[in-house]
Amino acid sequence: MCDQDHFEEDLKKYSRRDFGAFAAAGLGAAALLPRAANAAEVTDRDVTITTPDGECDSFFVSPSEGRHPGVLIWPDIFGLRPAFRQMAKRLAESQYSVLVVNPFYRTQKAPTAAKGANTPISDVIPLARSLDATKHTTDAQAFIGWLDKQQQVDKDRKMGTTGYCMGGPIVMRTAAAAADRVGAAATFHGGGLVTDRPDSPHRLIPNMKAQFLIAIAENDDQRDPDAKGVLAKSFQQAGLKAEIEVYPAGHGWCPPDTRVHNETQAEKAWSRLLHLFSTALA
């Protein structure tokens, strides 16, 4: 996961060449995300969700007609922002009803990173550290429950969940906390999926019923090369399907507004996500 010790080092290696011009031009994430030829028309709205700890400001988007599988998105350490709204809209255009949340609602409403993905990591690490496994779990249950109450969500079909960076561990806790509802789960450059702590996310795999996509950044793999093997063994022992792959890109490569965004590898990850959802949520 993003941390002060490695963040600047990784930026030097993986920073995109066009980021300065992109930021200076004030281009939004929509300028970077292609739209599918058969994209559905969608309707979106800001929503507030009641949890055991307060009111969470969130964004909900779904096809304008019909009922569709629900998807819960956990953003990265820079939080709910335009890039994730665009990612949610893009997913909704592929026939899903999508909720993206502000995981830091206990502390402040979005935006929680003053400069988006260009915010100094030291400014947002305290927000990530304000959360723990218990909060991840109670939030997941509240958000899944909220989705199930929406008329745009097909409650006869399983849900999906995705997470980026610090959202990776939360995805795994979501899949365990709502095992009967979550049929597909994906983490992208998720940090801390395997640790030596008693509450390590990988220890929850026996409690899950979802198919998984684990997309690992190459620099994360270099720092913890054993994690992918532990995950593969854990999924195999639990009898769960899991696609686990190391991508030739840096931590944070998927959201289009990050300094290390890698369009080619982000599009590959997106295509694998759509494949997972089309099979596991059919």
C-alpha atoms as a PDB file:
ATOM      1  CA  MET A   1       0.000   0.000   0.000  1.00  0.00           C
ATOM      2  CA  CYS A   2       1.085   3.632  -0.368  1.00  0.00           C
ATOM      3  CA  ASP A   3       3.559   4.651   2.298  1.00  0.00           C
ATOM      4  CA  GLN A   4       5.967   7.470   2.910  1.00  0.00           C
ATOM      5  CA  ASP A   5       9.048   5.244   2.727  1.00  0.00           C
ATOM      6  CA  HIS A   6       8.487   4.136  -0.870  1.00  0.00           C
ATOM      7  CA  PHE A   7       6.057   6.601  -2.421  1.00  0.00           C
ATOM      8  CA  GLU A   8       8.516   9.163  -3.780  1.00  0.00           C
ATOM      9  CA  GLU A   9      10.925   6.438  -4.846  1.00  0.00           C
ATOM     10  CA  ASP A  10       8.203   4.757  -6.875  1.00  0.00           C
ATOM     11  CA  LEU A  11       7.131   8.032  -8.450  1.00  0.00           C
ATOM     12  CA  LYS A  12      10.606   8.534  -9.865  1.00  0.00           C
ATOM     13  CA  LYS A  13      10.470   5.138 -11.548  1.00  0.00           C
ATOM     14  CA  TYR A  14       6.873   5.028 -12.742  1.00  0.00           C
ATOM     15  CA  SER A  15       5.651   8.621 -13.204  1.00  0.00           C
ATOM     16  CA  ARG A  16       3.868   9.166 -16.495  1.00  0.00           C
ATOM     17  CA  ARG A  17       5.530  11.592 -18.847  1.00  0.00           C
ATOM     18  CA  ASP A  18       2.335  13.447 -19.673  1.00  0.00           C
ATOM     19  CA  PHE A  19       1.178  14.084 -16.101  1.00  0.00           C
ATOM     20  CA  GLY A  20       2.489  17.646 -15.878  1.00  0.00           C
ATOM     21  CA  ALA A  21       0.710  18.718 -19.039  1.00  0.00           C
ATOM     22  CA  PHE A  22      -2.392  16.780 -18.016  1.00  0.00           C
ATOM     23  CA  ALA A  23      -2.592  18.533 -14.645  1.00  0.00           C
ATOM     24  CA  ALA A  24      -1.758  21.954 -16.041  1.00  0.00           C
ATOM     25  CA  ALA A  25      -4.529  21.670 -18.592  1.00  0.00           C
ATOM     26  CA  GLY A  26      -7.033  20.839 -15.887  1.00  0.00           C
ATOM     27  CA  LEU A  27      -8.266  17.796 -17.786  1.00  0.00           C
ATOM     28  CA  GLY A  28     -10.752  15.611 -15.982  1.00  0.00           C
ATOM     29  CA  ALA A  29     -10.606  11.845 -15.739  1.00  0.00           C
ATOM     30  CA  ALA A  30     -13.277  11.581 -18.426  1.00  0.00           C
ATOM     31  CA  ALA A  31     -10.712  12.734 -20.976  1.00  0.00           C
ATOM     32  CA  LEU A  32      -8.740   9.533 -20.395  1.00  0.00           C
ATOM     33  CA  LEU A  33     -11.407   6.842 -20.151  1.00  0.00           C
ATOM     34  CA  PRO A  34     -12.662   5.359 -23.429  1.00  0.00           C
ATOM     35  CA  ARG A  35     -16.382   4.696 -23.793  1.00  0.00           C
ATOM     36  CA  ALA A  36     -17.580   1.332 -25.062  1.00  0.00           C
ATOM     37  CA  ALA A  37     -19.456   1.349 -28.359  1.00  0.00           C
ATOM     38  CA  ASN A  38     -22.453  -0.363 -26.738  1.00  0.00           C
ATOM     39  CA  ALA A  39     -22.369   1.719 -23.544  1.00  0.00           C
ATOM     40  CA  ALA A  40     -25.686   2.017 -21.729  1.00  0.00           C
ATOM     41  CA  GLU A  41     -27.107   5.413 -20.868  1.00  0.00           C
ATOM     42  CA  VAL A  42     -26.691   5.961 -17.150  1.00  0.00           C
ATOM     43  CA  THR A  43     -28.157   8.058 -14.352  1.00  0.00           C
ATOM     44  CA  ASP A  44     -26.106   9.169 -11.359  1.00  0.00           C
ATOM     45  CA  ARG A  45     -26.658  10.898  -8.042  1.00  0.00           C
ATOM     46  CA  ASP A  46     -24.868  11.773  -4.834  1.00  0.00           C
ATOM     47  CA  VAL A  47     -26.210   9.767  -1.898  1.00  0.00           C
ATOM     48  CA  THR A  48     -25.785   9.629   1.869  1.00  0.00           C
ATOM     49  CA  ILE A  49     -25.689   6.227   3.554  1.00  0.00           C
ATOM     50  CA  THR A  50     -26.301   5.649   7.252  1.00  0.00           C
ATOM     51  CA  THR A  51     -23.761   3.358   8.941  1.00  0.00           C
ATOM     52  CA  PRO A  52     -23.260   2.398  12.600  1.00  0.00           C
ATOM     53  CA  ASP A  53     -20.697   5.228  12.817  1.00  0.00           C
ATOM     54  CA  GLY A  54     -22.411   8.066  10.954  1.00  0.00           C
ATOM     55  CA  GLU A  55     -23.373   9.300   7.506  1.00  0.00           C
ATOM     56  CA  CYS A  56     -21.247   8.345   4.504  1.00  0.00           C
ATOM     57  CA  ASP A  57     -21.247  10.580   1.435  1.00  0.00           C
ATOM     58  CA  SER A  58     -21.164   8.424  -1.688  1.00  0.00           C
ATOM     59  CA  PHE A  59     -21.847   8.335  -5.425  1.00  0.00           C
ATOM     60  CA  PHE A  60     -24.340   5.981  -7.088  1.00  0.00           C
ATOM     61  CA  VAL A  61     -24.688   5.408 -10.818  1.00  0.00           C
ATOM     62  CA  SER A  62     -26.685   2.844 -12.777  1.00  0.00           C
ATOM     63  CA  PRO A  63     -28.135   2.224 -16.228  1.00  0.00           C
ATOM     64  CA  SER A  64     -31.167   4.434 -16.750  1.00  0.00           C
ATOM     65  CA  GLU A  65     -33.405   1.421 -17.316  1.00  0.00           C
ATOM     66  CA  GLY A  66     -33.740  -1.986 -15.703  1.00  0.00           C
ATOM     67  CA  ARG A  67     -32.219  -3.792 -12.744  1.00  0.00           C
ATOM     68  CA  HIS A  68     -28.585  -4.840 -12.718  1.00  0.00           C
ATOM     69  CA  PRO A  69     -25.991  -6.498 -10.447  1.00  0.00           C
ATOM     70  CA  GLY A  70     -24.757  -4.187  -7.722  1.00  0.00           C
ATOM     71  CA  VAL A  71     -21.076  -3.274  -7.423  1.00  0.00           C
ATOM     72  CA  LEU A  72     -19.356  -1.650  -4.451  1.00  0.00           C
ATOM     73  CA  ILE A  73     -16.134   0.272  -5.203  1.00  0.00           C
ATOM     74  CA  TRP A  74     -13.566   1.074  -2.516  1.00  0.00           C
ATOM     75  CA  PRO A  75     -11.269   3.893  -3.718  1.00  0.00           C
ATOM     76  CA  ASP A  76      -7.568   4.279  -3.083  1.00  0.00           C
ATOM     77  CA  ILE A  77      -5.938   6.375  -0.371  1.00  0.00           C
ATOM     78  CA  PHE A  78      -6.810   9.606  -2.210  1.00  0.00           C
ATOM     79  CA  GLY A  79     -10.496   8.871  -1.734  1.00  0.00           C
ATOM     80  CA  LEU A  80     -13.726   9.630  -3.562  1.00  0.00           C
ATOM     81  CA  ARG A  81     -12.961  12.092  -6.361  1.00  0.00           C
ATOM     82  CA  PRO A  82     -13.759  12.756 -10.043  1.00  0.00           C
ATOM     83  CA  ALA A  83     -11.567   9.895 -11.286  1.00  0.00           C
ATOM     84  CA  PHE A  84     -13.540   7.344  -9.298  1.00  0.00           C
ATOM     85  CA  ARG A  85     -16.844   8.859 -10.306  1.00  0.00           C
ATOM     86  CA  GLN A  86     -15.791   8.370 -13.917  1.00  0.00           C
ATOM     87  CA  MET A  87     -14.655   4.820 -13.253  1.00  0.00           C
ATOM     88  CA  ALA A  88     -18.016   4.087 -11.628  1.00  0.00           C
ATOM     89  CA  LYS A  89     -19.871   5.586 -14.605  1.00  0.00           C
ATOM     90  CA  ARG A  90     -17.823   3.519 -17.023  1.00  0.00           C
ATOM     91  CA  LEU A  91     -18.692   0.358 -15.128  1.00  0.00           C
ATOM     92  CA  ALA A  92     -22.369   1.327 -15.028  1.00  0.00           C
ATOM     93  CA  GLU A  93     -22.272   1.721 -18.808  1.00  0.00           C
ATOM     94  CA  SER A  94     -21.501  -2.011 -18.895  1.00  0.00           C
ATOM     95  CA  GLN A  95     -24.810  -2.792 -17.160  1.00  0.00           C
ATOM     96  CA  TYR A  96     -23.966  -2.588 -13.449  1.00  0.00           C
ATOM     97  CA  SER A  97     -25.442  -0.519 -10.617  1.00  0.00           C
ATOM     98  CA  VAL A  98     -22.396   0.994  -8.953  1.00  0.00           C
ATOM     99  CA  LEU A  99     -21.753   2.589  -5.573  1.00  0.00           C
ATOM    100  CA  VAL A 100     -18.422   4.284  -4.806  1.00  0.00           C
ATOM    101  CA  VAL A 101     -17.982   5.461  -1.233  1.00  0.00           C
ATOM    102  CA  ASN A 102     -15.959   7.916   0.801  1.00  0.00           C
ATOM    103  CA  PRO A 103     -14.163   5.546   3.200  1.00  0.00           C
ATOM    104  CA  PHE A 104     -13.052   8.477   5.354  1.00  0.00           C
ATOM    105  CA  TYR A 105     -16.532   9.844   6.080  1.00  0.00           C
ATOM    106  CA  ARG A 106     -15.933   9.586   9.828  1.00  0.00           C
ATOM    107  CA  THR A 107     -13.262  12.279   9.498  1.00  0.00           C
ATOM    108  CA  GLN A 108     -14.473  14.491   6.645  1.00  0.00           C
ATOM    109  CA  LYS A 109     -16.622  14.577   3.550  1.00  0.00           C
ATOM    110  CA  ALA A 110     -15.093  14.163   0.113  1.00  0.00           C
ATOM    111  CA  PRO A 111     -12.867  15.457  -1.292  1.00  0.00           C
ATOM    112  CA  THR A 112     -10.477  14.168   1.351  1.00  0.00           C
ATOM    113  CA  ALA A 113      -7.301  14.803  -0.669  1.00  0.00           C
ATOM    114  CA  ALA A 114      -6.839  18.498  -1.395  1.00  0.00           C
ATOM    115  CA  LYS A 115      -5.025  17.937  -4.699  1.00  0.00           C
ATOM    116  CA  GLY A 116      -6.577  14.634  -5.656  1.00  0.00           C
ATOM    117  CA  ALA A 117      -4.018  12.004  -6.588  1.00  0.00           C
ATOM    118  CA  ASN A 118      -1.351  14.729  -6.622  1.00  0.00           C
ATOM    119  CA  THR A 119      -1.739  15.232  -2.860  1.00  0.00           C
ATOM    120  CA  PRO A 120       1.410  14.537  -0.779  1.00  0.00           C
ATOM    121  CA  ILE A 121       1.114  11.037   0.641  1.00  0.00           C
ATOM    122  CA  SER A 122       1.912  12.328   4.126  1.00  0.00           C
ATOM    123  CA  ASP A 123      -1.334  14.323   4.051  1.00  0.00           C
ATOM    124  CA  VAL A 124      -3.565  11.283   3.547  1.00  0.00           C
ATOM    125  CA  ILE A 125      -1.832   8.462   5.405  1.00  0.00           C
ATOM    126  CA  PRO A 126      -3.475   9.548   8.703  1.00  0.00           C
ATOM    127  CA  LEU A 127      -6.869   9.044   7.043  1.00  0.00           C
ATOM    128  CA  ALA A 128      -6.010   5.482   6.042  1.00  0.00           C
ATOM    129  CA  ARG A 129      -4.693   4.767   9.525  1.00  0.00           C
ATOM    130  CA  SER A 130      -7.969   5.950  11.039  1.00  0.00           C
ATOM    131  CA  LEU A 131      -9.623   2.780   9.708  1.00  0.00           C
ATOM    132  CA  ASP A 132      -9.291  -0.802  10.915  1.00  0.00           C
ATOM    133  CA  ALA A 133     -10.647  -4.256  10.188  1.00  0.00           C
ATOM    134  CA  THR A 134     -13.736  -3.740  12.327  1.00  0.00           C
ATOM    135  CA  LYS A 135     -14.652  -0.482  10.569  1.00  0.00           C
ATOM    136  CA  HIS A 136     -14.032  -2.086   7.176  1.00  0.00           C
ATOM    137  CA  THR A 137     -16.452  -4.867   8.047  1.00  0.00           C
ATOM    138  CA  THR A 138     -19.256  -2.765   9.507  1.00  0.00           C
ATOM    139  CA  ASP A 139     -19.030  -0.352   6.586  1.00  0.00           C
ATOM    140  CA  ALA A 140     -19.128  -3.197   4.071  1.00  0.00           C
ATOM    141  CA  GLN A 141     -22.268  -4.615   5.633  1.00  0.00           C
ATOM    142  CA  ALA A 142     -23.951  -1.200   5.641  1.00  0.00           C
ATOM    143  CA  PHE A 143     -23.076  -0.450   2.008  1.00  0.00           C
ATOM    144  CA  ILE A 144     -24.104  -3.888   0.741  1.00  0.00           C
ATOM    145  CA  GLY A 145     -27.364  -3.516   2.630  1.00  0.00           C
ATOM    146  CA  TRP A 146     -27.953  -0.087   1.080  1.00  0.00           C
ATOM    147  CA  LEU A 147     -27.363  -1.421  -2.428  1.00  0.00           C
ATOM    148  CA  ASP A 148     -29.866  -4.198  -1.865  1.00  0.00           C
ATOM    149  CA  LYS A 149     -32.559  -1.615  -1.142  1.00  0.00           C
ATOM    150  CA  GLN A 150     -32.123   0.180  -4.478  1.00  0.00           C
ATOM    151  CA  GLN A 151     -34.651  -0.526  -7.215  1.00  0.00           C
ATOM    152  CA  GLN A 152     -31.852  -0.432  -9.823  1.00  0.00           C
ATOM    153  CA  VAL A 153     -30.132  -3.435  -8.203  1.00  0.00           C
ATOM    154  CA  ASP A 154     -31.044  -6.975  -9.244  1.00  0.00           C
ATOM    155  CA  LYS A 155     -31.248  -8.784  -5.911  1.00  0.00           C
ATOM    156  CA  ASP A 156     -31.548 -12.167  -7.617  1.00  0.00           C
ATOM    157  CA  ARG A 157     -27.973 -11.878  -8.870  1.00  0.00           C
ATOM    158  CA  LYS A 158     -24.745 -11.765  -6.882  1.00  0.00           C
ATOM    159  CA  MET A 159     -22.901  -8.479  -6.299  1.00  0.00           C
ATOM    160  CA  GLY A 160     -19.357  -7.485  -7.152  1.00  0.00           C
ATOM    161  CA  THR A 161     -16.828  -5.397  -5.268  1.00  0.00           C
ATOM    162  CA  THR A 162     -13.551  -3.775  -6.311  1.00  0.00           C
ATOM    163  CA  GLY A 163     -10.804  -2.012  -4.392  1.00  0.00           C
ATOM    164  CA  TYR A 164      -7.684  -0.039  -5.199  1.00  0.00           C
ATOM    165  CA  CYS A 165      -4.588   0.443  -3.017  1.00  0.00           C
ATOM    166  CA  MET A 166      -5.907   0.489   0.580  1.00  0.00           C
ATOM    167  CA  GLY A 167      -9.243  -0.677  -0.854  1.00  0.00           C
ATOM    168  CA  GLY A 168      -7.750  -4.105  -1.573  1.00  0.00           C
ATOM    169  CA  PRO A 169      -7.940  -5.412   2.005  1.00  0.00           C
ATOM    170  CA  ILE A 170     -11.417  -3.897   2.367  1.00  0.00           C
ATOM    171  CA  VAL A 171     -12.587  -5.874  -0.686  1.00  0.00           C
ATOM    172  CA  MET A 172     -11.506  -9.103   0.978  1.00  0.00           C
ATOM    173  CA  ARG A 173     -13.261  -8.187   4.211  1.00  0.00           C
ATOM    174  CA  THR A 174     -16.365  -7.276   2.203  1.00  0.00           C
ATOM    175  CA  ALA A 175     -16.332 -10.646   0.449  1.00  0.00           C
ATOM    176  CA  ALA A 176     -16.136 -12.389   3.833  1.00  0.00           C
ATOM    177  CA  ALA A 177     -18.663 -10.183   5.638  1.00  0.00           C
ATOM    178  CA  ALA A 178     -21.266 -10.537   2.872  1.00  0.00           C
ATOM    179  CA  ALA A 179     -20.306 -13.941   1.514  1.00  0.00           C
ATOM    180  CA  ASP A 180     -23.842 -14.838   0.469  1.00  0.00           C
ATOM    181  CA  ARG A 181     -24.149 -11.662  -1.627  1.00  0.00           C
ATOM    182  CA  VAL A 182     -20.669 -11.091  -3.092  1.00  0.00           C
ATOM    183  CA  GLY A 183     -19.972 -13.359  -6.048  1.00  0.00           C
ATOM    184  CA  ALA A 184     -17.038 -11.491  -7.613  1.00  0.00           C
ATOM    185  CA  ALA A 185     -14.234  -9.447  -6.059  1.00  0.00           C
ATOM    186  CA  ALA A 186     -11.233  -7.679  -7.544  1.00  0.00           C
ATOM    187  CA  THR A 187      -8.266  -5.871  -6.050  1.00  0.00           C
ATOM    188  CA  PHE A 188      -5.912  -3.637  -8.024  1.00  0.00           C
ATOM    189  CA  HIS A 189      -2.500  -2.803  -6.556  1.00  0.00           C
ATOM    190  CA  GLY A 190      -4.036  -3.703  -3.203  1.00  0.00           C
ATOM    191  CA  GLY A 191      -1.675  -3.359  -0.269  1.00  0.00           C
ATOM    192  CA  GLY A 192      -1.536  -5.567   2.791  1.00  0.00           C
ATOM    193  CA  LEU A 193      -3.524  -8.519   1.468  1.00  0.00           C
ATOM    194  CA  VAL A 194      -1.105 -10.883   3.186  1.00  0.00           C
ATOM    195  CA  THR A 195       0.426  -9.997   6.552  1.00  0.00           C
ATOM    196  CA  ASP A 196       1.536 -11.858   9.683  1.00  0.00           C
ATOM    197  CA  ARG A 197      -1.237 -10.245  11.732  1.00  0.00           C
ATOM    198  CA  PRO A 198      -4.150 -12.297  13.096  1.00  0.00           C
ATOM    199  CA  ASP A 199      -6.557 -10.075  11.116  1.00  0.00           C
ATOM    200  CA  SER A 200      -4.679 -10.381   7.818  1.00  0.00           C
ATOM    201  CA  PRO A 201      -7.204 -10.269   4.952  1.00  0.00           C
ATOM    202  CA  HIS A 202      -5.966 -13.522   3.413  1.00  0.00           C
ATOM    203  CA  ARG A 203      -7.003 -15.421   6.536  1.00  0.00           C
ATOM    204  CA  LEU A 204     -10.640 -14.668   5.657  1.00  0.00           C
ATOM    205  CA  ILE A 205     -10.540 -16.530   2.349  1.00  0.00           C
ATOM    206  CA  PRO A 206     -12.125 -19.709   3.824  1.00  0.00           C
ATOM    207  CA  ASN A 207     -15.166 -17.565   4.723  1.00  0.00           C
ATOM    208  CA  MET A 208     -15.683 -16.304   1.166  1.00  0.00           C
ATOM    209  CA  LYS A 209     -17.712 -17.604  -1.786  1.00  0.00           C
ATOM    210  CA  ALA A 210     -16.577 -15.154  -4.491  1.00  0.00           C
ATOM    211  CA  GLN A 211     -14.434 -15.536  -7.579  1.00  0.00           C
ATOM    212  CA  PHE A 212     -11.401 -13.247  -7.402  1.00  0.00           C
ATOM    213  CA  LEU A 213      -9.139 -11.120  -9.569  1.00  0.00           C
ATOM    214  CA  ILE A 214      -5.917 -10.051  -7.845  1.00  0.00           C
ATOM    215  CA  ALA A 215      -3.918  -7.579  -9.967  1.00  0.00           C
ATOM    216  CA  ILE A 216      -0.534  -6.893  -8.339  1.00  0.00           C
ATOM    217  CA  ALA A 217       1.837  -4.007  -9.101  1.00  0.00           C
ATOM    218  CA  GLU A 218       5.338  -5.147  -9.958  1.00  0.00           C
ATOM    219  CA  ASN A 219       6.953  -2.961  -7.294  1.00  0.00           C
ATOM    220  CA  ASP A 220       4.616  -4.377  -4.648  1.00  0.00           C
ATOM    221  CA  ASP A 221       5.550  -7.866  -5.819  1.00  0.00           C
ATOM    222  CA  GLN A 222       9.238  -7.013  -5.622  1.00  0.00           C
ATOM    223  CA  ARG A 223       8.840  -5.971  -1.984  1.00  0.00           C
ATOM    224  CA  ASP A 224       6.725  -8.988  -1.057  1.00  0.00           C
ATOM    225  CA  PRO A 225       7.301 -11.730  -3.646  1.00  0.00           C
ATOM    226  CA  ASP A 226       5.782 -14.445  -1.450  1.00  0.00           C
ATOM    227  CA  ALA A 227       2.336 -12.841  -1.117  1.00  0.00           C
ATOM    228  CA  LYS A 228       0.994 -14.065  -4.467  1.00  0.00           C
ATOM    229  CA  GLY A 229       1.897 -17.637  -3.599  1.00  0.00           C
ATOM    230  CA  VAL A 230       0.201 -17.422  -0.213  1.00  0.00           C
ATOM    231  CA  LEU A 231      -2.915 -16.040  -1.878  1.00  0.00           C
ATOM    232  CA  ALA A 232      -2.935 -18.714  -4.586  1.00  0.00           C
ATOM    233  CA  LYS A 233      -2.599 -21.496  -2.016  1.00  0.00           C
ATOM    234  CA  SER A 234      -5.296 -19.992   0.206  1.00  0.00           C
ATOM    235  CA  PHE A 235      -7.789 -19.698  -2.663  1.00  0.00           C
ATOM    236  CA  GLN A 236      -6.995 -23.224  -3.840  1.00  0.00           C
ATOM    237  CA  GLN A 237      -7.535 -24.669  -0.367  1.00  0.00           C
ATOM    238  CA  ALA A 238     -10.861 -22.814  -0.141  1.00  0.00           C
ATOM    239  CA  GLY A 239     -11.956 -24.128  -3.538  1.00  0.00           C
ATOM    240  CA  LEU A 240     -12.319 -20.622  -4.975  1.00  0.00           C
ATOM    241  CA  LYS A 241     -11.375 -19.472  -8.468  1.00  0.00           C
ATOM    242  CA  ALA A 242      -8.784 -16.702  -8.475  1.00  0.00           C
ATOM    243  CA  GLU A 243      -6.845 -14.995 -11.245  1.00  0.00           C
ATOM    244  CA  ILE A 244      -3.626 -13.673  -9.703  1.00  0.00           C
ATOM    245  CA  GLU A 245      -1.214 -11.734 -11.913  1.00  0.00           C
ATOM    246  CA  VAL A 246       1.678  -9.328 -11.497  1.00  0.00           C
ATOM    247  CA  TYR A 247       1.312  -6.391 -13.904  1.00  0.00           C
ATOM    248  CA  PRO A 248       4.345  -4.548 -15.338  1.00  0.00           C
ATOM    249  CA  ALA A 249       3.236  -1.270 -13.752  1.00  0.00           C
ATOM    250  CA  GLY A 250       3.695   0.657 -10.531  1.00  0.00           C
ATOM    251  CA  HIS A 251       1.467   0.769  -7.481  1.00  0.00           C
ATOM    252  CA  GLY A 252      -1.462   3.026  -8.357  1.00  0.00           C
ATOM    253  CA  TRP A 253      -1.468   2.350 -12.116  1.00  0.00           C
ATOM    254  CA  CYS A 254      -5.239   1.975 -12.579  1.00  0.00           C
ATOM    255  CA  PRO A 255      -6.993   5.285 -11.667  1.00  0.00           C
ATOM    256  CA  PRO A 256      -6.575   7.682 -14.610  1.00  0.00           C
ATOM    257  CA  ASP A 257      -5.570  10.695 -12.504  1.00  0.00           C
ATOM    258  CA  THR A 258      -2.563   9.206 -10.728  1.00  0.00           C
ATOM    259  CA  ARG A 259       1.010  10.133 -11.520  1.00  0.00           C
ATOM    260  CA  VAL A 260       1.810   6.486 -12.253  1.00  0.00           C
ATOM    261  CA  HIS A 261      -1.232   5.701 -14.406  1.00  0.00           C
ATOM    262  CA  ASN A 262      -0.349   3.174 -17.100  1.00  0.00           C
ATOM    263  CA  GLU A 263      -3.049   3.250 -19.755  1.00  0.00           C
ATOM    264  CA  THR A 264      -2.116  -0.013 -21.440  1.00  0.00           C
ATOM    265  CA  GLN A 265      -2.008  -2.016 -18.225  1.00  0.00           C
ATOM    266  CA  ALA A 266      -5.053  -0.215 -16.785  1.00  0.00           C
ATOM    267  CA  GLU A 267      -7.081  -1.203 -19.835  1.00  0.00           C
ATOM    268  CA  LYS A 268      -5.902  -4.790 -19.517  1.00  0.00           C
ATOM    269  CA  ALA A 269      -6.958  -4.816 -15.849  1.00  0.00           C
ATOM    270  CA  TRP A 270     -10.314  -3.281 -16.787  1.00  0.00           C
ATOM    271  CA  SER A 271     -10.944  -5.954 -19.411  1.00  0.00           C
ATOM    272  CA  ARG A 272     -10.167  -8.684 -16.901  1.00  0.00           C
ATOM    273  CA  LEU A 273     -12.584  -7.076 -14.437  1.00  0.00           C
ATOM    274  CA  LEU A 274     -15.365  -7.078 -17.023  1.00  0.00           C
ATOM    275  CA  HIS A 275     -14.607 -10.707 -17.824  1.00  0.00           C
ATOM    276  CA  LEU A 276     -14.816 -11.629 -14.137  1.00  0.00           C
ATOM    277  CA  PHE A 277     -18.114  -9.844 -13.673  1.00  0.00           C
ATOM    278  CA  SER A 278     -19.629 -11.246 -16.870  1.00  0.00           C
ATOM    279  CA  THR A 279     -18.962 -14.816 -15.686  1.00  0.00           C
ATOM    280  CA  ALA A 280     -19.390 -14.592 -11.891  1.00  0.00           C
ATOM    281  CA  LEU A 281     -22.404 -12.254 -11.839  1.00  0.00           C
ATOM    282  CA  ALA A 282     -24.278 -13.735 -14.799  1.00  0.00           C
END
